[in-house]
PDB file of all heavy atoms in Angstrom:
ATOM      1  N   GLU A   1      27.231  49.013 -30.086  1.00  0.00           N
ATOM      2  CA  GLU A   1      27.139  48.955 -28.631  1.00  0.00           C
ATOM      3  C   GLU A   1      26.554  50.271 -28.120  1.00  0.00           C
ATOM      4  O   GLU A   1      26.847  51.346 -28.658  1.00  0.00           O
ATOM      5  CB  GLU A   1      28.521  48.747 -28.009  1.00  0.00           C
ATOM      6  CG  GLU A   1      29.168  47.406 -28.350  1.00  0.00           C
ATOM      7  CD  GLU A   1      28.457  46.238 -27.692  1.00  0.00           C
ATOM      8  OE1 GLU A   1      27.817  46.448 -26.642  1.00  0.00           O
ATOM      9  OE2 GLU A   1      28.541  45.118 -28.234  1.00  0.00           O
ATOM     10  N   PRO A   2      25.721  50.232 -27.091  1.00  0.00           N
ATOM     11  CA  PRO A   2      25.171  51.485 -26.547  1.00  0.00           C
ATOM     12  C   PRO A   2      26.278  52.368 -25.984  1.00  0.00           C
ATOM     13  O   PRO A   2      27.181  51.875 -25.297  1.00  0.00           O
ATOM     14  CB  PRO A   2      24.205  51.006 -25.461  1.00  0.00           C
ATOM     15  CG  PRO A   2      24.653  49.628 -25.114  1.00  0.00           C
ATOM     16  CD  PRO A   2      25.228  49.050 -26.362  1.00  0.00           C
ATOM     17  N   ARG A   3      26.222  53.657 -26.286  1.00  0.00           N
ATOM     18  CA  ARG A   3      27.221  54.584 -25.764  1.00  0.00           C
ATOM     19  C   ARG A   3      27.013  54.849 -24.273  1.00  0.00           C
ATOM     20  O   ARG A   3      27.969  55.143 -23.560  1.00  0.00           O
ATOM     21  CB  ARG A   3      27.149  55.911 -26.539  1.00  0.00           C
ATOM     22  CG  ARG A   3      27.328  55.760 -28.046  1.00  0.00           C
ATOM     23  CD  ARG A   3      28.727  55.353 -28.418  1.00  0.00           C
ATOM     24  NE  ARG A   3      28.889  55.162 -29.843  1.00  0.00           N
ATOM     25  CZ  ARG A   3      29.222  56.119 -30.702  1.00  0.00           C
ATOM     26  NH1 ARG A   3      29.389  57.360 -30.274  1.00  0.00           N
ATOM     27  NH2 ARG A   3      29.366  55.852 -31.982  1.00  0.00           N
ATOM     28  N   GLU A   4      25.763  54.778 -23.855  1.00  0.00           N
ATOM     29  CA  GLU A   4      25.423  54.974 -22.447  1.00  0.00           C
ATOM     30  C   GLU A   4      24.372  53.953 -22.045  1.00  0.00           C
ATOM     31  O   GLU A   4      23.580  53.520 -22.874  1.00  0.00           O
ATOM     32  CB  GLU A   4      24.885  56.397 -22.208  1.00  0.00           C
ATOM     33  CG  GLU A   4      25.901  57.499 -22.465  1.00  0.00           C
ATOM     34  CD  GLU A   4      25.318  58.878 -22.199  1.00  0.00           C
ATOM     35  OE1 GLU A   4      24.168  58.940 -21.695  1.00  0.00           O
ATOM     36  OE2 GLU A   4      26.004  59.878 -22.487  1.00  0.00           O
ATOM     37  N   VAL A   5      24.374  53.571 -20.788  1.00  0.00           N
ATOM     38  CA  VAL A   5      23.346  52.674 -20.286  1.00  0.00           C
ATOM     39  C   VAL A   5      22.010  53.411 -20.336  1.00  0.00           C
ATOM     40  O   VAL A   5      21.917  54.573 -19.931  1.00  0.00           O
ATOM     41  CB  VAL A   5      23.646  52.227 -18.842  1.00  0.00           C
ATOM     42  CG1 VAL A   5      22.507  51.375 -18.287  1.00  0.00           C
ATOM     43  CG2 VAL A   5      24.956  51.455 -18.799  1.00  0.00           C
ATOM     44  N   PRO A   6      20.965  52.795 -20.875  1.00  0.00           N
ATOM     45  CA  PRO A   6      19.660  53.475 -20.943  1.00  0.00           C
ATOM     46  C   PRO A   6      19.206  53.962 -19.574  1.00  0.00           C
ATOM     47  O   PRO A   6      19.409  53.289 -18.560  1.00  0.00           O
ATOM     48  CB  PRO A   6      18.728  52.386 -21.482  1.00  0.00           C
ATOM     49  CG  PRO A   6      19.621  51.444 -22.211  1.00  0.00           C
ATOM     50  CD  PRO A   6      20.914  51.452 -21.470  1.00  0.00           C
ATOM     51  N   ARG A   7      18.585  55.143 -19.552  1.00  0.00           N
ATOM     52  CA  ARG A   7      18.058  55.666 -18.284  1.00  0.00           C
ATOM     53  C   ARG A   7      16.797  54.930 -17.864  1.00  0.00           C
ATOM     54  O   ARG A   7      16.526  54.778 -16.674  1.00  0.00           O
ATOM     55  CB  ARG A   7      17.733  57.159 -18.418  1.00  0.00           C
ATOM     56  CG  ARG A   7      18.928  58.058 -18.621  1.00  0.00           C
ATOM     57  CD  ARG A   7      18.551  59.503 -18.368  1.00  0.00           C
ATOM     58  NE  ARG A   7      17.372  59.946 -19.127  1.00  0.00           N
ATOM     59  CZ  ARG A   7      16.648  61.014 -18.823  1.00  0.00           C
ATOM     60  NH1 ARG A   7      16.968  61.744 -17.752  1.00  0.00           N
ATOM     61  NH2 ARG A   7      15.606  61.365 -19.558  1.00  0.00           N
ATOM     62  N   GLY A   8      16.018  54.504 -18.845  1.00  0.00           N
ATOM     63  CA  GLY A   8      14.737  53.878 -18.544  1.00  0.00           C
ATOM     64  C   GLY A   8      14.883  52.437 -18.101  1.00  0.00           C
ATOM     65  O   GLY A   8      15.816  51.723 -18.484  1.00  0.00           O
ATOM     66  N   GLY A   9      13.940  51.988 -17.298  1.00  0.00           N
ATOM     67  CA  GLY A   9      13.974  50.638 -16.779  1.00  0.00           C
ATOM     68  C   GLY A   9      13.854  49.576 -17.852  1.00  0.00           C
ATOM     69  O   GLY A   9      14.532  48.548 -17.799  1.00  0.00           O
ATOM     70  N   PHE A  10      12.998  49.791 -18.862  1.00  0.00           N
ATOM     71  CA  PHE A  10      12.821  48.781 -19.901  1.00  0.00           C
ATOM     72  C   PHE A  10      14.112  48.588 -20.692  1.00  0.00           C
ATOM     73  O   PHE A  10      14.509  47.451 -20.982  1.00  0.00           O
ATOM     74  CB  PHE A  10      11.678  49.173 -20.834  1.00  0.00           C
ATOM     75  CG  PHE A  10      11.394  48.149 -21.904  1.00  0.00           C
ATOM     76  CD1 PHE A  10      11.009  46.867 -21.572  1.00  0.00           C
ATOM     77  CD2 PHE A  10      11.508  48.486 -23.245  1.00  0.00           C
ATOM     78  CE1 PHE A  10      10.745  45.920 -22.556  1.00  0.00           C
ATOM     79  CE2 PHE A  10      11.240  47.555 -24.236  1.00  0.00           C
ATOM     80  CZ  PHE A  10      10.861  46.272 -23.897  1.00  0.00           C
ATOM     81  N   GLY A  11      14.780  49.684 -21.050  1.00  0.00           N
ATOM     82  CA  GLY A  11      16.037  49.573 -21.775  1.00  0.00           C
ATOM     83  C   GLY A  11      17.089  48.812 -20.991  1.00  0.00           C
ATOM     84  O   GLY A  11      17.825  47.980 -21.540  1.00  0.00           O
ATOM     85  N   ARG A  12      17.179  49.077 -19.694  1.00  0.00           N
ATOM     86  CA  ARG A  12      18.147  48.345 -18.862  1.00  0.00           C
ATOM     87  C   ARG A  12      17.774  46.872 -18.763  1.00  0.00           C
ATOM     88  O   ARG A  12      18.650  45.994 -18.785  1.00  0.00           O
ATOM     89  CB  ARG A  12      18.224  48.983 -17.476  1.00  0.00           C
ATOM     90  CG  ARG A  12      18.789  50.395 -17.473  1.00  0.00           C
ATOM     91  CD  ARG A  12      19.239  50.812 -16.089  1.00  0.00           C
ATOM     92  NE  ARG A  12      18.159  50.771 -15.111  1.00  0.00           N
ATOM     93  CZ  ARG A  12      17.339  51.788 -14.868  1.00  0.00           C
ATOM     94  NH1 ARG A  12      17.469  52.918 -15.557  1.00  0.00           N
ATOM     95  NH2 ARG A  12      16.385  51.699 -13.956  1.00  0.00           N
ATOM     96  N   ASP A  13      16.474  46.592 -18.654  1.00  0.00           N
ATOM     97  CA  ASP A  13      16.038  45.203 -18.615  1.00  0.00           C
ATOM     98  C   ASP A  13      16.427  44.472 -19.896  1.00  0.00           C
ATOM     99  O   ASP A  13      16.865  43.314 -19.865  1.00  0.00           O
ATOM    100  CB  ASP A  13      14.522  45.120 -18.429  1.00  0.00           C
ATOM    101  CG  ASP A  13      14.078  45.526 -17.031  1.00  0.00           C
ATOM    102  OD1 ASP A  13      14.946  45.711 -16.152  1.00  0.00           O
ATOM    103  OD2 ASP A  13      12.852  45.672 -16.825  1.00  0.00           O
ATOM    104  N   ILE A  14      16.262  45.134 -21.037  1.00  0.00           N
ATOM    105  CA  ILE A  14      16.581  44.510 -22.319  1.00  0.00           C
ATOM    106  C   ILE A  14      18.071  44.161 -22.385  1.00  0.00           C
ATOM    107  O   ILE A  14      18.445  43.080 -22.878  1.00  0.00           O
ATOM    108  CB  ILE A  14      16.183  45.440 -23.484  1.00  0.00           C
ATOM    109  CG1 ILE A  14      14.653  45.481 -23.631  1.00  0.00           C
ATOM    110  CG2 ILE A  14      16.833  44.997 -24.791  1.00  0.00           C
ATOM    111  CD1 ILE A  14      14.027  44.154 -23.997  1.00  0.00           C
ATOM    112  N   LEU A  15      18.932  45.042 -21.909  1.00  0.00           N
ATOM    113  CA  LEU A  15      20.362  44.736 -21.900  1.00  0.00           C
ATOM    114  C   LEU A  15      20.648  43.506 -21.054  1.00  0.00           C
ATOM    115  O   LEU A  15      21.445  42.634 -21.443  1.00  0.00           O
ATOM    116  CB  LEU A  15      21.156  45.935 -21.382  1.00  0.00           C
ATOM    117  CG  LEU A  15      21.227  47.164 -22.289  1.00  0.00           C
ATOM    118  CD1 LEU A  15      22.090  48.248 -21.641  1.00  0.00           C
ATOM    119  CD2 LEU A  15      21.802  46.801 -23.652  1.00  0.00           C
ATOM    120  N   ASP A  16      20.019  43.402 -19.890  1.00  0.00           N
ATOM    121  CA  ASP A  16      20.206  42.222 -19.036  1.00  0.00           C
ATOM    122  C   ASP A  16      19.696  40.964 -19.734  1.00  0.00           C
ATOM    123  O   ASP A  16      20.355  39.916 -19.720  1.00  0.00           O
ATOM    124  CB  ASP A  16      19.473  42.417 -17.703  1.00  0.00           C
ATOM    125  CG  ASP A  16      20.140  43.440 -16.803  1.00  0.00           C
ATOM    126  OD1 ASP A  16      21.337  43.728 -17.011  1.00  0.00           O
ATOM    127  OD2 ASP A  16      19.467  43.953 -15.892  1.00  0.00           O
ATOM    128  N   ILE A  17      18.524  41.055 -20.333  1.00  0.00           N
ATOM    129  CA  ILE A  17      17.927  39.896 -21.002  1.00  0.00           C
ATOM    130  C   ILE A  17      18.836  39.390 -22.113  1.00  0.00           C
ATOM    131  O   ILE A  17      19.104  38.188 -22.229  1.00  0.00           O
ATOM    132  CB  ILE A  17      16.538  40.269 -21.551  1.00  0.00           C
ATOM    133  CG1 ILE A  17      15.537  40.426 -20.402  1.00  0.00           C
ATOM    134  CG2 ILE A  17      16.043  39.234 -22.561  1.00  0.00           C
ATOM    135  CD1 ILE A  17      14.231  41.070 -20.811  1.00  0.00           C
ATOM    136  N   GLU A  18      19.321  40.293 -22.950  1.00  0.00           N
ATOM    137  CA  GLU A  18      20.183  39.864 -24.047  1.00  0.00           C
ATOM    138  C   GLU A  18      21.497  39.278 -23.529  1.00  0.00           C
ATOM    139  O   GLU A  18      22.053  38.358 -24.129  1.00  0.00           O
ATOM    140  CB  GLU A  18      20.435  41.026 -24.996  1.00  0.00           C
ATOM    141  CG  GLU A  18      19.208  41.420 -25.808  1.00  0.00           C
ATOM    142  CD  GLU A  18      19.556  42.168 -27.074  1.00  0.00           C
ATOM    143  OE1 GLU A  18      20.770  42.282 -27.388  1.00  0.00           O
ATOM    144  OE2 GLU A  18      18.631  42.647 -27.754  1.00  0.00           O
ATOM    145  N   GLY A  19      21.988  39.795 -22.412  1.00  0.00           N
ATOM    146  CA  GLY A  19      23.197  39.229 -21.818  1.00  0.00           C
ATOM    147  C   GLY A  19      22.979  37.793 -21.375  1.00  0.00           C
ATOM    148  O   GLY A  19      23.831  36.917 -21.592  1.00  0.00           O
ATOM    149  N   TYR A  20      21.827  37.514 -20.777  1.00  0.00           N
ATOM    150  CA  TYR A  20      21.518  36.152 -20.353  1.00  0.00           C
ATOM    151  C   TYR A  20      21.340  35.229 -21.557  1.00  0.00           C
ATOM    152  O   TYR A  20      21.710  34.044 -21.504  1.00  0.00           O
ATOM    153  CB  TYR A  20      20.263  36.143 -19.483  1.00  0.00           C
ATOM    154  CG  TYR A  20      20.433  36.882 -18.176  1.00  0.00           C
ATOM    155  CD1 TYR A  20      19.448  37.756 -17.708  1.00  0.00           C
ATOM    156  CD2 TYR A  20      21.586  36.722 -17.405  1.00  0.00           C
ATOM    157  CE1 TYR A  20      19.602  38.444 -16.519  1.00  0.00           C
ATOM    158  CE2 TYR A  20      21.747  37.401 -16.217  1.00  0.00           C
ATOM    159  CZ  TYR A  20      20.758  38.270 -15.777  1.00  0.00           C
ATOM    160  OH  TYR A  20      20.916  38.948 -14.603  1.00  0.00           O
ATOM    161  N   VAL A  21      20.769  35.743 -22.636  1.00  0.00           N
ATOM    162  CA  VAL A  21      20.612  34.917 -23.839  1.00  0.00           C
ATOM    163  C   VAL A  21      21.973  34.572 -24.429  1.00  0.00           C
ATOM    164  O   VAL A  21      22.193  33.445 -24.901  1.00  0.00           O
ATOM    165  CB  VAL A  21      19.715  35.620 -24.877  1.00  0.00           C
ATOM    166  CG1 VAL A  21      19.677  34.829 -26.186  1.00  0.00           C
ATOM    167  CG2 VAL A  21      18.300  35.786 -24.339  1.00  0.00           C
ATOM    168  N   ARG A  22      22.919  35.505 -24.412  1.00  0.00           N
ATOM    169  CA  ARG A  22      24.270  35.197 -24.907  1.00  0.00           C
ATOM    170  C   ARG A  22      24.890  34.075 -24.087  1.00  0.00           C
ATOM    171  O   ARG A  22      25.552  33.184 -24.632  1.00  0.00           O
ATOM    172  CB  ARG A  22      25.143  36.446 -24.866  1.00  0.00           C
ATOM    173  CG  ARG A  22      24.812  37.468 -25.950  1.00  0.00           C
ATOM    174  CD  ARG A  22      25.892  38.526 -26.059  1.00  0.00           C
ATOM    175  NE  ARG A  22      25.953  39.355 -24.865  1.00  0.00           N
ATOM    176  CZ  ARG A  22      25.251  40.466 -24.682  1.00  0.00           C
ATOM    177  NH1 ARG A  22      24.399  40.872 -25.626  1.00  0.00           N
ATOM    178  NH2 ARG A  22      25.374  41.179 -23.584  1.00  0.00           N
ATOM    179  N   GLY A  23      24.692  34.107 -22.775  1.00  0.00           N
ATOM    180  CA  GLY A  23      25.191  33.025 -21.937  1.00  0.00           C
ATOM    181  C   GLY A  23      24.525  31.698 -22.282  1.00  0.00           C
ATOM    182  O   GLY A  23      25.186  30.648 -22.304  1.00  0.00           O
ATOM    183  N   PHE A  24      23.234  31.723 -22.539  1.00  0.00           N
ATOM    184  CA  PHE A  24      22.523  30.500 -22.924  1.00  0.00           C
ATOM    185  C   PHE A  24      23.073  29.943 -24.228  1.00  0.00           C
ATOM    186  O   PHE A  24      23.228  28.712 -24.380  1.00  0.00           O
ATOM    187  CB  PHE A  24      21.028  30.800 -23.055  1.00  0.00           C
ATOM    188  CG  PHE A  24      20.230  29.642 -23.571  1.00  0.00           C
ATOM    189  CD1 PHE A  24      19.816  28.636 -22.720  1.00  0.00           C
ATOM    190  CD2 PHE A  24      19.891  29.556 -24.925  1.00  0.00           C
ATOM    191  CE1 PHE A  24      19.078  27.557 -23.193  1.00  0.00           C
ATOM    192  CE2 PHE A  24      19.156  28.486 -25.404  1.00  0.00           C
ATOM    193  CZ  PHE A  24      18.757  27.478 -24.538  1.00  0.00           C
ATOM    194  N   ARG A  25      23.374  30.811 -25.177  1.00  0.00           N
ATOM    195  CA  ARG A  25      23.926  30.337 -26.451  1.00  0.00           C
ATOM    196  C   ARG A  25      25.243  29.593 -26.246  1.00  0.00           C
ATOM    197  O   ARG A  25      25.510  28.599 -26.915  1.00  0.00           O
ATOM    198  CB  ARG A  25      24.146  31.530 -27.386  1.00  0.00           C
ATOM    199  CG  ARG A  25      22.885  32.056 -28.066  1.00  0.00           C
ATOM    200  CD  ARG A  25      23.180  33.334 -28.797  1.00  0.00           C
ATOM    201  NE  ARG A  25      22.077  33.748 -29.664  1.00  0.00           N
ATOM    202  CZ  ARG A  25      21.856  34.981 -30.054  1.00  0.00           C
ATOM    203  NH1 ARG A  25      22.658  35.963 -29.642  1.00  0.00           N
ATOM    204  NH2 ARG A  25      20.833  35.271 -30.837  1.00  0.00           N
ATOM    205  N   ARG A  26      26.063  30.065 -25.321  1.00  0.00           N
ATOM    206  CA  ARG A  26      27.329  29.382 -25.064  1.00  0.00           C
ATOM    207  C   ARG A  26      27.096  28.021 -24.422  1.00  0.00           C
ATOM    208  O   ARG A  26      27.811  27.056 -24.726  1.00  0.00           O
ATOM    209  CB  ARG A  26      28.225  30.249 -24.164  1.00  0.00           C
ATOM    210  CG  ARG A  26      28.731  31.518 -24.846  1.00  0.00           C
ATOM    211  CD  ARG A  26      29.811  32.189 -24.016  1.00  0.00           C
ATOM    212  NE  ARG A  26      29.285  32.696 -22.747  1.00  0.00           N
ATOM    213  CZ  ARG A  26      28.806  33.924 -22.574  1.00  0.00           C
ATOM    214  NH1 ARG A  26      28.767  34.772 -23.602  1.00  0.00           N
ATOM    215  NH2 ARG A  26      28.366  34.326 -21.394  1.00  0.00           N
ATOM    216  N   ARG A  27      26.117  27.921 -23.545  1.00  0.00           N
ATOM    217  CA  ARG A  27      25.850  26.665 -22.840  1.00  0.00           C
ATOM    218  C   ARG A  27      25.092  25.669 -23.697  1.00  0.00           C
ATOM    219  O   ARG A  27      25.248  24.452 -23.520  1.00  0.00           O
ATOM    220  CB  ARG A  27      25.063  26.945 -21.552  1.00  0.00           C
ATOM    221  CG  ARG A  27      25.836  27.739 -20.514  1.00  0.00           C
ATOM    222  CD  ARG A  27      25.062  27.814 -19.198  1.00  0.00           C
ATOM    223  NE  ARG A  27      23.777  28.518 -19.350  1.00  0.00           N
ATOM    224  CZ  ARG A  27      23.630  29.824 -19.206  1.00  0.00           C
ATOM    225  NH1 ARG A  27      24.690  30.594 -18.937  1.00  0.00           N
ATOM    226  NH2 ARG A  27      22.427  30.377 -19.335  1.00  0.00           N
ATOM    227  N   ARG A  28      24.252  26.156 -24.611  1.00  0.00           N
ATOM    228  CA  ARG A  28      23.461  25.269 -25.465  1.00  0.00           C
ATOM    229  C   ARG A  28      23.650  25.650 -26.941  1.00  0.00           C
ATOM    230  O   ARG A  28      22.744  26.159 -27.598  1.00  0.00           O
ATOM    231  CB  ARG A  28      21.971  25.344 -25.101  1.00  0.00           C
ATOM    232  CG  ARG A  28      21.577  24.705 -23.784  1.00  0.00           C
ATOM    233  CD  ARG A  28      21.696  23.182 -23.829  1.00  0.00           C
ATOM    234  NE  ARG A  28      20.924  22.570 -24.902  1.00  0.00           N
ATOM    235  CZ  ARG A  28      19.655  22.141 -24.784  1.00  0.00           C
ATOM    236  NH1 ARG A  28      19.042  22.247 -23.616  1.00  0.00           N
ATOM    237  NH2 ARG A  28      19.039  21.575 -25.803  1.00  0.00           N
ATOM    238  N   PRO A  29      24.847  25.379 -27.485  1.00  0.00           N
ATOM    239  CA  PRO A  29      25.082  25.732 -28.894  1.00  0.00           C
ATOM    240  C   PRO A  29      24.229  24.922 -29.859  1.00  0.00           C
ATOM    241  O   PRO A  29      24.137  25.261 -31.044  1.00  0.00           O
ATOM    242  CB  PRO A  29      26.578  25.431 -29.074  1.00  0.00           C
ATOM    243  CG  PRO A  29      26.899  24.416 -28.012  1.00  0.00           C
ATOM    244  CD  PRO A  29      26.023  24.764 -26.848  1.00  0.00           C
ATOM    245  N   ASP A  30      23.601  23.841 -29.364  1.00  0.00           N
ATOM    246  CA  ASP A  30      22.738  23.028 -30.214  1.00  0.00           C
ATOM    247  C   ASP A  30      21.367  23.665 -30.458  1.00  0.00           C
ATOM    248  O   ASP A  30      20.614  23.208 -31.314  1.00  0.00           O
ATOM    249  CB  ASP A  30      22.530  21.651 -29.576  1.00  0.00           C
ATOM    250  CG  ASP A  30      21.923  21.749 -28.177  1.00  0.00           C
ATOM    251  OD1 ASP A  30      22.468  22.536 -27.364  1.00  0.00           O
ATOM    252  OD2 ASP A  30      20.928  21.055 -27.896  1.00  0.00           O
ATOM    253  N   VAL A  31      21.046  24.720 -29.699  1.00  0.00           N
ATOM    254  CA  VAL A  31      19.753  25.395 -29.825  1.00  0.00           C
ATOM    255  C   VAL A  31      19.901  26.627 -30.727  1.00  0.00           C
ATOM    256  O   VAL A  31      20.797  27.452 -30.519  1.00  0.00           O
ATOM    257  CB  VAL A  31      19.213  25.814 -28.445  1.00  0.00           C
ATOM    258  CG1 VAL A  31      17.917  26.618 -28.597  1.00  0.00           C
ATOM    259  CG2 VAL A  31      18.980  24.583 -27.564  1.00  0.00           C
ATOM    260  N   THR A  32      19.029  26.758 -31.703  1.00  0.00           N
ATOM    261  CA  THR A  32      18.998  27.961 -32.542  1.00  0.00           C
ATOM    262  C   THR A  32      18.321  29.074 -31.757  1.00  0.00           C
ATOM    263  O   THR A  32      17.117  29.007 -31.483  1.00  0.00           O
ATOM    264  CB  THR A  32      18.232  27.698 -33.843  1.00  0.00           C
ATOM    265  OG1 THR A  32      18.894  26.687 -34.597  1.00  0.00           O
ATOM    266  CG2 THR A  32      18.134  28.974 -34.680  1.00  0.00           C
ATOM    267  N   ALA A  33      19.075  30.087 -31.390  1.00  0.00           N
ATOM    268  CA  ALA A  33      18.541  31.195 -30.591  1.00  0.00           C
ATOM    269  C   ALA A  33      18.409  32.432 -31.472  1.00  0.00           C
ATOM    270  O   ALA A  33      19.384  32.885 -32.084  1.00  0.00           O
ATOM    271  CB  ALA A  33      19.453  31.487 -29.404  1.00  0.00           C
ATOM    272  N   THR A  34      17.203  32.984 -31.524  1.00  0.00           N
ATOM    273  CA  THR A  34      16.906  34.168 -32.334  1.00  0.00           C
ATOM    274  C   THR A  34      16.449  35.285 -31.410  1.00  0.00           C
ATOM    275  O   THR A  34      15.511  35.105 -30.625  1.00  0.00           O
ATOM    276  CB  THR A  34      15.792  33.866 -33.349  1.00  0.00           C
ATOM    277  OG1 THR A  34      16.185  32.759 -34.170  1.00  0.00           O
ATOM    278  CG2 THR A  34      15.523  35.075 -34.230  1.00  0.00           C
ATOM    279  N   VAL A  35      17.106  36.435 -31.503  1.00  0.00           N
ATOM    280  CA  VAL A  35      16.734  37.611 -30.716  1.00  0.00           C
ATOM    281  C   VAL A  35      16.229  38.682 -31.679  1.00  0.00           C
ATOM    282  O   VAL A  35      16.931  39.043 -32.628  1.00  0.00           O
ATOM    283  CB  VAL A  35      17.935  38.142 -29.902  1.00  0.00           C
ATOM    284  CG1 VAL A  35      17.568  39.446 -29.208  1.00  0.00           C
ATOM    285  CG2 VAL A  35      18.387  37.104 -28.875  1.00  0.00           C
ATOM    286  N   LEU A  36      15.013  39.175 -31.428  1.00  0.00           N
ATOM    287  CA  LEU A  36      14.380  40.140 -32.325  1.00  0.00           C
ATOM    288  C   LEU A  36      14.249  41.481 -31.620  1.00  0.00           C
ATOM    289  O   LEU A  36      13.484  41.615 -30.653  1.00  0.00           O
ATOM    290  CB  LEU A  36      13.004  39.636 -32.744  1.00  0.00           C
ATOM    291  CG  LEU A  36      12.995  38.278 -33.465  1.00  0.00           C
ATOM    292  CD1 LEU A  36      11.569  37.781 -33.668  1.00  0.00           C
ATOM    293  CD2 LEU A  36      13.717  38.369 -34.809  1.00  0.00           C
ATOM    294  N   ARG A  37      15.004  42.466 -32.098  1.00  0.00           N
ATOM    295  CA  ARG A  37      14.947  43.813 -31.535  1.00  0.00           C
ATOM    296  C   ARG A  37      13.892  44.619 -32.291  1.00  0.00           C
ATOM    297  O   ARG A  37      14.155  45.185 -33.358  1.00  0.00           O
ATOM    298  CB  ARG A  37      16.314  44.497 -31.632  1.00  0.00           C
ATOM    299  CG  ARG A  37      17.369  43.879 -30.730  1.00  0.00           C
ATOM    300  CD  ARG A  37      18.733  44.516 -30.960  1.00  0.00           C
ATOM    301  NE  ARG A  37      19.740  43.959 -30.060  1.00  0.00           N
ATOM    302  CZ  ARG A  37      21.059  44.096 -30.229  1.00  0.00           C
ATOM    303  NH1 ARG A  37      21.516  44.778 -31.283  1.00  0.00           N
ATOM    304  NH2 ARG A  37      21.898  43.559 -29.371  1.00  0.00           N
ATOM    305  N   PHE A  38      12.702  44.693 -31.710  1.00  0.00           N
ATOM    306  CA  PHE A  38      11.595  45.370 -32.372  1.00  0.00           C
ATOM    307  C   PHE A  38      11.637  46.874 -32.117  1.00  0.00           C
ATOM    308  O   PHE A  38      11.880  47.321 -30.993  1.00  0.00           O
ATOM    309  CB  PHE A  38      10.264  44.835 -31.855  1.00  0.00           C
ATOM    310  CG  PHE A  38       9.938  43.440 -32.322  1.00  0.00           C
ATOM    311  CD1 PHE A  38      10.035  42.361 -31.461  1.00  0.00           C
ATOM    312  CD2 PHE A  38       9.529  43.227 -33.633  1.00  0.00           C
ATOM    313  CE1 PHE A  38       9.728  41.082 -31.894  1.00  0.00           C
ATOM    314  CE2 PHE A  38       9.223  41.950 -34.079  1.00  0.00           C
ATOM    315  CZ  PHE A  38       9.322  40.870 -33.208  1.00  0.00           C
ATOM    316  N   ALA A  39      11.370  47.643 -33.179  1.00  0.00           N
ATOM    317  CA  ALA A  39      11.034  49.053 -33.011  1.00  0.00           C
ATOM    318  C   ALA A  39       9.647  49.125 -32.374  1.00  0.00           C
ATOM    319  O   ALA A  39       8.936  48.113 -32.290  1.00  0.00           O
ATOM    320  CB  ALA A  39      11.048  49.757 -34.363  1.00  0.00           C
ATOM    321  N   PRO A  40       9.214  50.285 -31.901  1.00  0.00           N
ATOM    322  CA  PRO A  40       7.861  50.385 -31.317  1.00  0.00           C
ATOM    323  C   PRO A  40       6.783  49.910 -32.280  1.00  0.00           C
ATOM    324  O   PRO A  40       6.795  50.234 -33.459  1.00  0.00           O
ATOM    325  CB  PRO A  40       7.727  51.886 -31.013  1.00  0.00           C
ATOM    326  CG  PRO A  40       9.133  52.356 -30.812  1.00  0.00           C
ATOM    327  CD  PRO A  40       9.960  51.555 -31.780  1.00  0.00           C
TER     328      PRO A  40
END
């Protein structure tokens, strides 16, 4: 887990995006959801 919320906008956006995907997984467990955390 991140120790601090990212200062940059992209990092904060990524946290929000992954949170929404976790919610989607709960609502649609029949869908295989893959999240890829790419390095630069």
